[in-house]
Amino acid sequence: MQCVTSTNLKEFPLVSRGKVRDIYATGPDSLLIVTTDRISAFDVIMDDPIPHKGVVLNQITLFWMEKFADLVPNHLLATDVRDFPAILKPHADMLEGRSVMVRRAKPLPIECIVRGYITGSGWKDYLKSGSVCGHKLPQGLRESDKLEKPLFTPSTKADLGAHDENIPVAEAMRITGEALAKQAQDLAIGIYSHARDYAAQRGIIIADTKFEFGTVKEGLDERLILIDEVLTPDSSRFWPMSDYAPGRGQMSFDKQFLRDWLEEIKFSKRPPAPKIPQAIIDQTRAKYLDAYHLLTGKHLGV
């Protein structure tokens, strides 16, 4: 499989080019999503890719979407390049393993984050106020402590290059409407709880994660479906259970490894991105592949 940093498909119009994904309109109700090997940290896209990272992200998402298909509908239309429009056949090698055809949905204007452990920005908020997104937490928690119950901690959706901001659940309900926000909250906590229990059996702690939901028209009604990526090393914090110890930051299977290196070199968290040493690229790639293997029990042929 190729290492893909960017795409330029002339057959369909480009809808968006995000930090990782290139999205094309293949029809009035369908999209092609290509997950590239770009990697971002602190909302800055690095110049150096992580080879085959996009394949890992796409395949992990497909694994979870299939696993939770009975719990929540998703946007998938086709996952095999052989089922894509014939006009894309010349690009089959590039698209293989890293692309999907999906139903077009209207994304919710909030990030649906679930935290099972106190870490990251949630830990910083807790130190300042004793709460996270309006959830008052017990005193005396340590960094990386497991929370009594998973918390729904939504955030704003920032433009590319800007930072999301944590918001109270009440504010999320104001933005999306109470019914939609409540449904998203229940689905997010339910999916996370099932995934956390499954991953624990495979030696992985899912500390927190971010879900994307969108609405689609069904007759006169709107239906909430699961879209974008699901429980990947980019949208979640994966910790090895064998090394877990509260009271400190944790080792990870996700891009936190790259963030830690950037912190060590005192990266300004603004472009331009620094050159990533080959050793950091190789170790980051290995962590993504390890996460896929542990979760699925399979090896990717990359």
C-alpha atoms as a PDB file:
ATOM      1  CA  MET A   1       0.000   0.000   0.000  1.00  0.00           C
ATOM      2  CA  GLN A   2       1.143   3.500  -0.834  1.00  0.00           C
ATOM      3  CA  CYS A   3       2.019   6.252   1.615  1.00  0.00           C
ATOM      4  CA  VAL A   4      -0.513   8.988   0.821  1.00  0.00           C
ATOM      5  CA  THR A   5      -0.018  12.551   2.016  1.00  0.00           C
ATOM      6  CA  SER A   6      -2.526  14.264  -0.274  1.00  0.00           C
ATOM      7  CA  THR A   7      -4.994  13.424  -3.007  1.00  0.00           C
ATOM      8  CA  ASN A   8      -6.014  15.167  -6.208  1.00  0.00           C
ATOM      9  CA  LEU A   9      -8.927  13.269  -7.715  1.00  0.00           C
ATOM     10  CA  LYS A  10     -10.176  15.099 -10.815  1.00  0.00           C
ATOM     11  CA  GLU A  11     -13.213  12.861 -11.197  1.00  0.00           C
ATOM     12  CA  PHE A  12     -15.156  14.456  -8.329  1.00  0.00           C
ATOM     13  CA  PRO A  13     -15.161  17.904  -6.672  1.00  0.00           C
ATOM     14  CA  LEU A  14     -13.179  18.287  -3.470  1.00  0.00           C
ATOM     15  CA  VAL A  15     -15.507  19.211  -0.599  1.00  0.00           C
ATOM     16  CA  SER A  16     -12.862  19.658   2.084  1.00  0.00           C
ATOM     17  CA  ARG A  17      -9.258  18.914   2.968  1.00  0.00           C
ATOM     18  CA  GLY A  18      -8.917  18.565   6.723  1.00  0.00           C
ATOM     19  CA  LYS A  19      -6.041  17.734   9.003  1.00  0.00           C
ATOM     20  CA  VAL A  20      -6.107  14.106   7.875  1.00  0.00           C
ATOM     21  CA  ARG A  21      -9.040  13.479   5.521  1.00  0.00           C
ATOM     22  CA  ASP A  22      -9.760  14.537   1.960  1.00  0.00           C
ATOM     23  CA  ILE A  23     -13.480  14.462   1.141  1.00  0.00           C
ATOM     24  CA  TYR A  24     -15.021  14.412  -2.344  1.00  0.00           C
ATOM     25  CA  ALA A  25     -18.638  14.762  -3.447  1.00  0.00           C
ATOM     26  CA  THR A  26     -19.551  11.688  -5.486  1.00  0.00           C
ATOM     27  CA  GLY A  27     -23.230  12.586  -5.764  1.00  0.00           C
ATOM     28  CA  PRO A  28     -25.936  14.721  -4.149  1.00  0.00           C
ATOM     29  CA  ASP A  29     -26.223  12.305  -1.211  1.00  0.00           C
ATOM     30  CA  SER A  30     -22.827  10.580  -1.117  1.00  0.00           C
ATOM     31  CA  LEU A  31     -19.193  11.353  -0.340  1.00  0.00           C
ATOM     32  CA  LEU A  32     -15.813   9.688  -0.766  1.00  0.00           C
ATOM     33  CA  ILE A  33     -13.633  10.017   2.355  1.00  0.00           C
ATOM     34  CA  VAL A  34      -9.917   9.347   1.933  1.00  0.00           C
ATOM     35  CA  THR A  35      -7.880   9.045   5.144  1.00  0.00           C
ATOM     36  CA  THR A  36      -4.345  10.188   4.367  1.00  0.00           C
ATOM     37  CA  ASP A  37      -1.121   9.627   6.270  1.00  0.00           C
ATOM     38  CA  ARG A  38      -0.934  13.250   7.407  1.00  0.00           C
ATOM     39  CA  ILE A  39      -0.614  13.768  11.145  1.00  0.00           C
ATOM     40  CA  SER A  40      -1.406  16.830  13.215  1.00  0.00           C
ATOM     41  CA  ALA A  41      -0.535  17.803  16.755  1.00  0.00           C
ATOM     42  CA  PHE A  42      -1.679  20.861  18.680  1.00  0.00           C
ATOM     43  CA  ASP A  43      -3.829  21.648  15.618  1.00  0.00           C
ATOM     44  CA  VAL A  44      -0.728  21.960  13.406  1.00  0.00           C
ATOM     45  CA  ILE A  45      -0.350  19.625  10.433  1.00  0.00           C
ATOM     46  CA  MET A  46       3.133  18.156  10.380  1.00  0.00           C
ATOM     47  CA  ASP A  47       5.135  18.210   7.149  1.00  0.00           C
ATOM     48  CA  ASP A  48       6.221  14.599   7.641  1.00  0.00           C
ATOM     49  CA  PRO A  49       3.605  11.831   7.306  1.00  0.00           C
ATOM     50  CA  ILE A  50       3.318   8.618   9.308  1.00  0.00           C
ATOM     51  CA  PRO A  51       3.275   5.921   6.578  1.00  0.00           C
ATOM     52  CA  HIS A  52       0.045   3.883   6.457  1.00  0.00           C
ATOM     53  CA  LYS A  53      -1.430   5.698   9.459  1.00  0.00           C
ATOM     54  CA  GLY A  54      -4.505   6.486   7.354  1.00  0.00           C
ATOM     55  CA  VAL A  55      -5.076   2.800   6.662  1.00  0.00           C
ATOM     56  CA  VAL A  56      -4.915   2.064  10.394  1.00  0.00           C
ATOM     57  CA  LEU A  57      -7.398   4.838  11.216  1.00  0.00           C
ATOM     58  CA  ASN A  58      -9.818   3.758   8.509  1.00  0.00           C
ATOM     59  CA  GLN A  59      -9.676   0.065   9.385  1.00  0.00           C
ATOM     60  CA  ILE A  60     -10.123   0.689  13.129  1.00  0.00           C
ATOM     61  CA  THR A  61     -13.143   2.880  12.362  1.00  0.00           C
ATOM     62  CA  LEU A  62     -14.649   0.141  10.186  1.00  0.00           C
ATOM     63  CA  PHE A  63     -14.029  -2.400  12.949  1.00  0.00           C
ATOM     64  CA  TRP A  64     -15.944  -0.317  15.504  1.00  0.00           C
ATOM     65  CA  MET A  65     -18.739   0.687  13.126  1.00  0.00           C
ATOM     66  CA  GLU A  66     -19.404  -2.962  12.349  1.00  0.00           C
ATOM     67  CA  LYS A  67     -19.220  -3.864  16.038  1.00  0.00           C
ATOM     68  CA  PHE A  68     -21.765  -1.191  17.006  1.00  0.00           C
ATOM     69  CA  ALA A  69     -24.038  -1.398  13.962  1.00  0.00           C
ATOM     70  CA  ASP A  70     -26.907  -2.665  16.134  1.00  0.00           C
ATOM     71  CA  LEU A  71     -26.393   0.145  18.647  1.00  0.00           C
ATOM     72  CA  VAL A  72     -26.277   3.093  16.251  1.00  0.00           C
ATOM     73  CA  PRO A  73     -26.663   3.462  12.460  1.00  0.00           C
ATOM     74  CA  ASN A  74     -23.672   4.853  10.572  1.00  0.00           C
ATOM     75  CA  HIS A  75     -22.943   6.571   7.281  1.00  0.00           C
ATOM     76  CA  LEU A  76     -21.166   3.717   5.444  1.00  0.00           C
ATOM     77  CA  LEU A  77     -22.233   2.885   1.882  1.00  0.00           C
ATOM     78  CA  ALA A  78     -19.164   0.997   0.551  1.00  0.00           C
ATOM     79  CA  THR A  79     -15.854   0.049   2.141  1.00  0.00           C
ATOM     80  CA  ASP A  80     -14.187  -1.969  -0.656  1.00  0.00           C
ATOM     81  CA  VAL A  81     -12.642  -0.099  -3.594  1.00  0.00           C
ATOM     82  CA  ARG A  82     -14.123  -2.725  -5.914  1.00  0.00           C
ATOM     83  CA  ASP A  83     -17.564  -1.396  -4.981  1.00  0.00           C
ATOM     84  CA  PHE A  84     -16.648   2.237  -5.700  1.00  0.00           C
ATOM     85  CA  PRO A  85     -17.723   4.011  -8.914  1.00  0.00           C
ATOM     86  CA  ALA A  86     -15.887   2.568 -11.918  1.00  0.00           C
ATOM     87  CA  ILE A  87     -14.446   5.992 -12.717  1.00  0.00           C
ATOM     88  CA  LEU A  88     -12.226   5.648  -9.603  1.00  0.00           C
ATOM     89  CA  LYS A  89     -10.622   2.397 -10.768  1.00  0.00           C
ATOM     90  CA  PRO A  90      -7.354   4.112 -11.868  1.00  0.00           C
ATOM     91  CA  HIS A  91      -6.908   5.248  -8.247  1.00  0.00           C
ATOM     92  CA  ALA A  92      -7.656   1.856  -6.666  1.00  0.00           C
ATOM     93  CA  ASP A  93      -4.114   1.294  -5.380  1.00  0.00           C
ATOM     94  CA  MET A  94      -4.051   4.677  -3.644  1.00  0.00           C
ATOM     95  CA  LEU A  95      -7.573   4.329  -2.214  1.00  0.00           C
ATOM     96  CA  GLU A  96      -7.300   0.718  -1.064  1.00  0.00           C
ATOM     97  CA  GLY A  97      -7.727   0.282   2.680  1.00  0.00           C
ATOM     98  CA  ARG A  98      -7.948   4.006   3.428  1.00  0.00           C
ATOM     99  CA  SER A  99     -11.195   5.153   1.829  1.00  0.00           C
ATOM    100  CA  VAL A 100     -14.950   4.734   2.170  1.00  0.00           C
ATOM    101  CA  MET A 101     -18.075   5.810   0.337  1.00  0.00           C
ATOM    102  CA  VAL A 102     -20.542   7.306   2.784  1.00  0.00           C
ATOM    103  CA  ARG A 103     -23.974   8.819   3.031  1.00  0.00           C
ATOM    104  CA  ARG A 104     -23.886  12.602   3.224  1.00  0.00           C
ATOM    105  CA  ALA A 105     -25.049  13.873   6.626  1.00  0.00           C
ATOM    106  CA  LYS A 106     -25.328  17.221   8.378  1.00  0.00           C
ATOM    107  CA  PRO A 107     -22.715  17.115  11.179  1.00  0.00           C
ATOM    108  CA  LEU A 108     -23.710  18.286  14.637  1.00  0.00           C
ATOM    109  CA  PRO A 109     -22.033  21.626  15.442  1.00  0.00           C
ATOM    110  CA  ILE A 110     -20.416  20.192  18.593  1.00  0.00           C
ATOM    111  CA  GLU A 111     -17.709  17.646  19.353  1.00  0.00           C
ATOM    112  CA  CYS A 112     -19.153  14.762  21.373  1.00  0.00           C
ATOM    113  CA  ILE A 113     -16.397  13.872  23.830  1.00  0.00           C
ATOM    114  CA  VAL A 114     -16.625  11.159  26.474  1.00  0.00           C
ATOM    115  CA  ARG A 115     -14.093  10.933  29.320  1.00  0.00           C
ATOM    116  CA  GLY A 116     -13.618   7.812  31.394  1.00  0.00           C
ATOM    117  CA  TYR A 117     -10.415   9.033  33.036  1.00  0.00           C
ATOM    118  CA  ILE A 118      -9.275  12.471  34.170  1.00  0.00           C
ATOM    119  CA  THR A 119      -6.503  13.575  31.816  1.00  0.00           C
ATOM    120  CA  GLY A 120      -5.605  16.117  29.150  1.00  0.00           C
ATOM    121  CA  SER A 121      -7.665  19.315  29.059  1.00  0.00           C
ATOM    122  CA  GLY A 122     -10.135  17.735  31.487  1.00  0.00           C
ATOM    123  CA  TRP A 123      -7.350  17.393  34.066  1.00  0.00           C
ATOM    124  CA  LYS A 124      -6.349  21.038  33.537  1.00  0.00           C
ATOM    125  CA  ASP A 125      -9.965  22.175  33.984  1.00  0.00           C
ATOM    126  CA  TYR A 126     -10.280  20.055  37.131  1.00  0.00           C
ATOM    127  CA  LEU A 127      -7.159  21.595  38.659  1.00  0.00           C
ATOM    128  CA  LYS A 128      -8.571  25.076  38.059  1.00  0.00           C
ATOM    129  CA  SER A 129     -12.199  24.572  39.048  1.00  0.00           C
ATOM    130  CA  GLY A 130     -12.775  21.069  40.391  1.00  0.00           C
ATOM    131  CA  SER A 131     -15.120  20.374  37.502  1.00  0.00           C
ATOM    132  CA  VAL A 132     -15.129  19.491  33.800  1.00  0.00           C
ATOM    133  CA  CYS A 133     -17.736  20.959  31.422  1.00  0.00           C
ATOM    134  CA  GLY A 134     -20.063  21.671  34.311  1.00  0.00           C
ATOM    135  CA  HIS A 135     -19.600  18.244  35.929  1.00  0.00           C
ATOM    136  CA  LYS A 136     -18.512  18.766  39.547  1.00  0.00           C
ATOM    137  CA  LEU A 137     -15.970  16.073  40.439  1.00  0.00           C
ATOM    138  CA  PRO A 138     -14.819  14.697  43.816  1.00  0.00           C
ATOM    139  CA  GLN A 139     -11.902  16.370  45.516  1.00  0.00           C
ATOM    140  CA  GLY A 140      -8.518  14.685  45.585  1.00  0.00           C
ATOM    141  CA  LEU A 141      -8.508  13.080  42.149  1.00  0.00           C
ATOM    142  CA  ARG A 142      -5.096  12.277  40.728  1.00  0.00           C
ATOM    143  CA  GLU A 143      -4.060  12.728  37.124  1.00  0.00           C
ATOM    144  CA  SER A 144      -5.231   9.702  35.079  1.00  0.00           C
ATOM    145  CA  ASP A 145      -7.645   8.488  37.781  1.00  0.00           C
ATOM    146  CA  LYS A 146     -10.615   6.506  36.512  1.00  0.00           C
ATOM    147  CA  LEU A 147     -13.879   8.402  36.874  1.00  0.00           C
ATOM    148  CA  GLU A 148     -16.785   6.793  38.712  1.00  0.00           C
ATOM    149  CA  LYS A 149     -18.926   7.144  35.572  1.00  0.00           C
ATOM    150  CA  PRO A 150     -18.006   8.224  32.020  1.00  0.00           C
ATOM    151  CA  LEU A 151     -18.702  11.910  31.453  1.00  0.00           C
ATOM    152  CA  PHE A 152     -20.128  13.595  28.365  1.00  0.00           C
ATOM    153  CA  THR A 153     -17.935  16.686  27.969  1.00  0.00           C
ATOM    154  CA  PRO A 154     -18.764  18.436  24.684  1.00  0.00           C
ATOM    155  CA  SER A 155     -16.669  21.077  22.997  1.00  0.00           C
ATOM    156  CA  THR A 156     -16.994  23.642  20.275  1.00  0.00           C
ATOM    157  CA  LYS A 157     -15.889  22.836  16.724  1.00  0.00           C
ATOM    158  CA  ALA A 158     -13.059  25.162  15.821  1.00  0.00           C
ATOM    159  CA  ASP A 159     -11.965  26.022  12.297  1.00  0.00           C
ATOM    160  CA  LEU A 160      -8.866  24.318  10.905  1.00  0.00           C
ATOM    161  CA  GLY A 161      -5.828  25.526  12.843  1.00  0.00           C
ATOM    162  CA  ALA A 162      -7.846  26.804  15.811  1.00  0.00           C
ATOM    163  CA  HIS A 163      -8.525  25.088  19.138  1.00  0.00           C
ATOM    164  CA  ASP A 164     -11.782  23.492  20.295  1.00  0.00           C
ATOM    165  CA  GLU A 165     -13.065  24.754  23.637  1.00  0.00           C
ATOM    166  CA  ASN A 166     -14.775  22.681  26.328  1.00  0.00           C
ATOM    167  CA  ILE A 167     -18.346  23.796  27.010  1.00  0.00           C
ATOM    168  CA  PRO A 168     -20.996  22.799  29.585  1.00  0.00           C
ATOM    169  CA  VAL A 169     -23.609  20.264  28.500  1.00  0.00           C
ATOM    170  CA  ALA A 170     -26.250  22.990  28.848  1.00  0.00           C
ATOM    171  CA  GLU A 171     -24.412  25.069  26.234  1.00  0.00           C
ATOM    172  CA  ALA A 172     -24.235  22.074  23.886  1.00  0.00           C
ATOM    173  CA  MET A 173     -27.997  21.683  24.252  1.00  0.00           C
ATOM    174  CA  ARG A 174     -28.470  25.357  23.431  1.00  0.00           C
ATOM    175  CA  ILE A 175     -26.335  25.012  20.284  1.00  0.00           C
ATOM    176  CA  THR A 176     -27.868  21.815  18.900  1.00  0.00           C
ATOM    177  CA  GLY A 177     -31.251  21.699  20.557  1.00  0.00           C
ATOM    178  CA  GLU A 178     -31.973  19.754  23.731  1.00  0.00           C
ATOM    179  CA  ALA A 179     -33.363  16.617  22.087  1.00  0.00           C
ATOM    180  CA  LEU A 180     -30.446  16.139  19.680  1.00  0.00           C
ATOM    181  CA  ALA A 181     -27.821  16.865  22.329  1.00  0.00           C
ATOM    182  CA  LYS A 182     -29.439  14.419  24.756  1.00  0.00           C
ATOM    183  CA  GLN A 183     -29.577  11.720  22.086  1.00  0.00           C
ATOM    184  CA  ALA A 184     -25.938  12.330  21.143  1.00  0.00           C
ATOM    185  CA  GLN A 185     -24.934  12.225  24.818  1.00  0.00           C
ATOM    186  CA  ASP A 186     -26.689   8.908  25.433  1.00  0.00           C
ATOM    187  CA  LEU A 187     -25.265   7.341  22.272  1.00  0.00           C
ATOM    188  CA  ALA A 188     -21.740   8.602  22.954  1.00  0.00           C
ATOM    189  CA  ILE A 189     -21.683   7.301  26.526  1.00  0.00           C
ATOM    190  CA  GLY A 190     -23.214   3.990  25.443  1.00  0.00           C
ATOM    191  CA  ILE A 191     -20.720   3.399  22.628  1.00  0.00           C
ATOM    192  CA  TYR A 192     -17.783   4.455  24.777  1.00  0.00           C
ATOM    193  CA  SER A 193     -18.827   2.183  27.654  1.00  0.00           C
ATOM    194  CA  HIS A 194     -19.098  -0.869  25.379  1.00  0.00           C
ATOM    195  CA  ALA A 195     -15.799  -0.056  23.652  1.00  0.00           C
ATOM    196  CA  ARG A 196     -13.995   0.563  26.958  1.00  0.00           C
ATOM    197  CA  ASP A 197     -15.068  -2.836  28.293  1.00  0.00           C
ATOM    198  CA  TYR A 198     -14.063  -4.602  25.065  1.00  0.00           C
ATOM    199  CA  ALA A 199     -10.689  -2.854  24.835  1.00  0.00           C
ATOM    200  CA  ALA A 200      -9.925  -3.676  28.478  1.00  0.00           C
ATOM    201  CA  GLN A 201     -10.116  -7.357  27.563  1.00  0.00           C
ATOM    202  CA  ARG A 202      -7.483  -6.657  24.900  1.00  0.00           C
ATOM    203  CA  GLY A 203      -5.093  -4.832  27.237  1.00  0.00           C
ATOM    204  CA  ILE A 204      -6.032  -1.281  26.231  1.00  0.00           C
ATOM    205  CA  ILE A 205      -7.526   1.469  28.391  1.00  0.00           C
ATOM    206  CA  ILE A 206      -9.586   3.939  26.362  1.00  0.00           C
ATOM    207  CA  ALA A 207      -9.173   7.014  28.538  1.00  0.00           C
ATOM    208  CA  ASP A 208     -11.359   9.304  26.452  1.00  0.00           C
ATOM    209  CA  THR A 209     -12.641   9.690  22.919  1.00  0.00           C
ATOM    210  CA  LYS A 210     -14.376  12.031  20.518  1.00  0.00           C
ATOM    211  CA  PHE A 211     -17.388  11.038  18.416  1.00  0.00           C
ATOM    212  CA  GLU A 212     -18.948  12.738  15.423  1.00  0.00           C
ATOM    213  CA  PHE A 213     -22.661  12.474  14.787  1.00  0.00           C
ATOM    214  CA  GLY A 214     -24.726  13.833  11.923  1.00  0.00           C
ATOM    215  CA  THR A 215     -28.354  13.969  10.909  1.00  0.00           C
ATOM    216  CA  VAL A 216     -29.949  12.572   7.758  1.00  0.00           C
ATOM    217  CA  LYS A 217     -33.446  13.085   6.422  1.00  0.00           C
ATOM    218  CA  GLU A 218     -35.773  10.091   6.545  1.00  0.00           C
ATOM    219  CA  GLY A 219     -39.131  11.206   5.259  1.00  0.00           C
ATOM    220  CA  LEU A 220     -40.168  14.176   7.342  1.00  0.00           C
ATOM    221  CA  ASP A 221     -37.920  13.147  10.238  1.00  0.00           C
ATOM    222  CA  GLU A 222     -34.228  13.607  10.968  1.00  0.00           C
ATOM    223  CA  ARG A 223     -32.196  10.633  12.149  1.00  0.00           C
ATOM    224  CA  LEU A 224     -28.941  10.794  14.097  1.00  0.00           C
ATOM    225  CA  ILE A 225     -26.152   8.609  12.708  1.00  0.00           C
ATOM    226  CA  LEU A 226     -22.504   7.938  13.538  1.00  0.00           C
ATOM    227  CA  ILE A 227     -20.059   9.554  11.079  1.00  0.00           C
ATOM    228  CA  ASP A 228     -16.352  10.280  10.548  1.00  0.00           C
ATOM    229  CA  GLU A 229     -13.812   8.298  12.604  1.00  0.00           C
ATOM    230  CA  VAL A 230     -14.629   6.122  15.596  1.00  0.00           C
ATOM    231  CA  LEU A 231     -12.401   5.237  18.564  1.00  0.00           C
ATOM    232  CA  THR A 232      -9.123   5.589  16.687  1.00  0.00           C
ATOM    233  CA  PRO A 233      -5.690   6.548  18.033  1.00  0.00           C
ATOM    234  CA  ASP A 234      -6.329  10.043  16.613  1.00  0.00           C
ATOM    235  CA  SER A 235      -9.735  10.592  18.197  1.00  0.00           C
ATOM    236  CA  SER A 236      -8.996   8.809  21.492  1.00  0.00           C
ATOM    237  CA  ARG A 237      -6.400   8.260  24.184  1.00  0.00           C
ATOM    238  CA  PHE A 238      -5.331   4.617  24.229  1.00  0.00           C
ATOM    239  CA  TRP A 239      -3.199   3.547  27.195  1.00  0.00           C
ATOM    240  CA  PRO A 240      -1.522   0.138  27.683  1.00  0.00           C
ATOM    241  CA  MET A 241      -3.174  -1.442  30.714  1.00  0.00           C
ATOM    242  CA  SER A 242       0.079  -3.115  31.724  1.00  0.00           C
ATOM    243  CA  ASP A 243       1.722   0.268  32.411  1.00  0.00           C
ATOM    244  CA  TYR A 244      -1.258   2.119  33.905  1.00  0.00           C
ATOM    245  CA  ALA A 245      -0.597   3.956  37.161  1.00  0.00           C
ATOM    246  CA  PRO A 246      -2.658   6.975  38.275  1.00  0.00           C
ATOM    247  CA  GLY A 247      -0.891  10.069  39.530  1.00  0.00           C
ATOM    248  CA  ARG A 248       1.044  10.766  36.322  1.00  0.00           C
ATOM    249  CA  GLY A 249       0.730  10.930  32.556  1.00  0.00           C
ATOM    250  CA  GLN A 250       0.490   7.554  30.812  1.00  0.00           C
ATOM    251  CA  MET A 251       2.260   5.803  27.983  1.00  0.00           C
ATOM    252  CA  SER A 252       0.024   5.674  24.937  1.00  0.00           C
ATOM    253  CA  PHE A 253      -0.749   3.930  21.661  1.00  0.00           C
ATOM    254  CA  ASP A 254      -1.891   7.188  20.122  1.00  0.00           C
ATOM    255  CA  LYS A 255      -0.290  10.346  18.808  1.00  0.00           C
ATOM    256  CA  GLN A 256       0.332  11.527  22.367  1.00  0.00           C
ATOM    257  CA  PHE A 257       3.776  10.012  21.752  1.00  0.00           C
ATOM    258  CA  LEU A 258       4.363  12.631  19.042  1.00  0.00           C
ATOM    259  CA  ARG A 259       2.901  15.399  21.234  1.00  0.00           C
ATOM    260  CA  ASP A 260       5.303  14.444  24.033  1.00  0.00           C
ATOM    261  CA  TRP A 261       8.266  14.720  21.665  1.00  0.00           C
ATOM    262  CA  LEU A 262       7.044  18.121  20.471  1.00  0.00           C
ATOM    263  CA  GLU A 263       6.754  19.270  24.082  1.00  0.00           C
ATOM    264  CA  GLU A 264      10.305  18.059  24.757  1.00  0.00           C
ATOM    265  CA  ILE A 265      11.705  20.162  21.907  1.00  0.00           C
ATOM    266  CA  LYS A 266       9.650  23.168  23.080  1.00  0.00           C
ATOM    267  CA  PHE A 267       7.556  23.346  19.895  1.00  0.00           C
ATOM    268  CA  SER A 268       5.672  26.659  19.768  1.00  0.00           C
ATOM    269  CA  LYS A 269       2.428  24.896  18.742  1.00  0.00           C
ATOM    270  CA  ARG A 270       2.209  27.179  15.728  1.00  0.00           C
ATOM    271  CA  PRO A 271       3.328  26.644  12.112  1.00  0.00           C
ATOM    272  CA  PRO A 272       5.812  25.953  10.734  1.00  0.00           C
ATOM    273  CA  ALA A 273       6.015  22.366  11.944  1.00  0.00           C
ATOM    274  CA  PRO A 274       9.422  20.958  12.889  1.00  0.00           C
ATOM    275  CA  LYS A 275      11.092  18.171  10.963  1.00  0.00           C
ATOM    276  CA  ILE A 276      10.196  14.858  12.625  1.00  0.00           C
ATOM    277  CA  PRO A 277      13.194  12.521  13.087  1.00  0.00           C
ATOM    278  CA  GLN A 278      12.883   9.143  11.383  1.00  0.00           C
ATOM    279  CA  ALA A 279      13.052   7.357  14.735  1.00  0.00           C
ATOM    280  CA  ILE A 280       9.987   9.276  15.983  1.00  0.00           C
ATOM    281  CA  ILE A 281       8.140   8.520  12.724  1.00  0.00           C
ATOM    282  CA  ASP A 282       8.958   4.808  13.013  1.00  0.00           C
ATOM    283  CA  GLN A 283       7.953   4.586  16.675  1.00  0.00           C
ATOM    284  CA  THR A 284       4.713   6.506  16.081  1.00  0.00           C
ATOM    285  CA  ARG A 285       3.850   4.220  13.156  1.00  0.00           C
ATOM    286  CA  ALA A 286       4.526   1.156  15.309  1.00  0.00           C
ATOM    287  CA  LYS A 287       2.162   2.442  18.005  1.00  0.00           C
ATOM    288  CA  TYR A 288      -0.683   2.840  15.496  1.00  0.00           C
ATOM    289  CA  LEU A 289      -0.111  -0.669  14.142  1.00  0.00           C
ATOM    290  CA  ASP A 290       0.075  -2.109  17.667  1.00  0.00           C
ATOM    291  CA  ALA A 291      -3.267  -0.500  18.539  1.00  0.00           C
ATOM    292  CA  TYR A 292      -4.901  -2.075  15.478  1.00  0.00           C
ATOM    293  CA  HIS A 293      -3.466  -5.508  16.237  1.00  0.00           C
ATOM    294  CA  LEU A 294      -4.465  -5.452  19.903  1.00  0.00           C
ATOM    295  CA  LEU A 295      -8.017  -4.307  19.173  1.00  0.00           C
ATOM    296  CA  THR A 296      -8.763  -6.589  16.222  1.00  0.00           C
ATOM    297  CA  GLY A 297      -6.371  -9.494  16.691  1.00  0.00           C
ATOM    298  CA  LYS A 298      -5.290  -8.997  13.062  1.00  0.00           C
ATOM    299  CA  HIS A 299      -2.188  -7.656  11.324  1.00  0.00           C
ATOM    300  CA  LEU A 300      -2.383  -5.092   8.522  1.00  0.00           C
ATOM    301  CA  GLY A 301      -0.448  -6.031   5.407  1.00  0.00           C
ATOM    302  CA  VAL A 302       1.576  -2.806   5.328  1.00  0.00           C
END
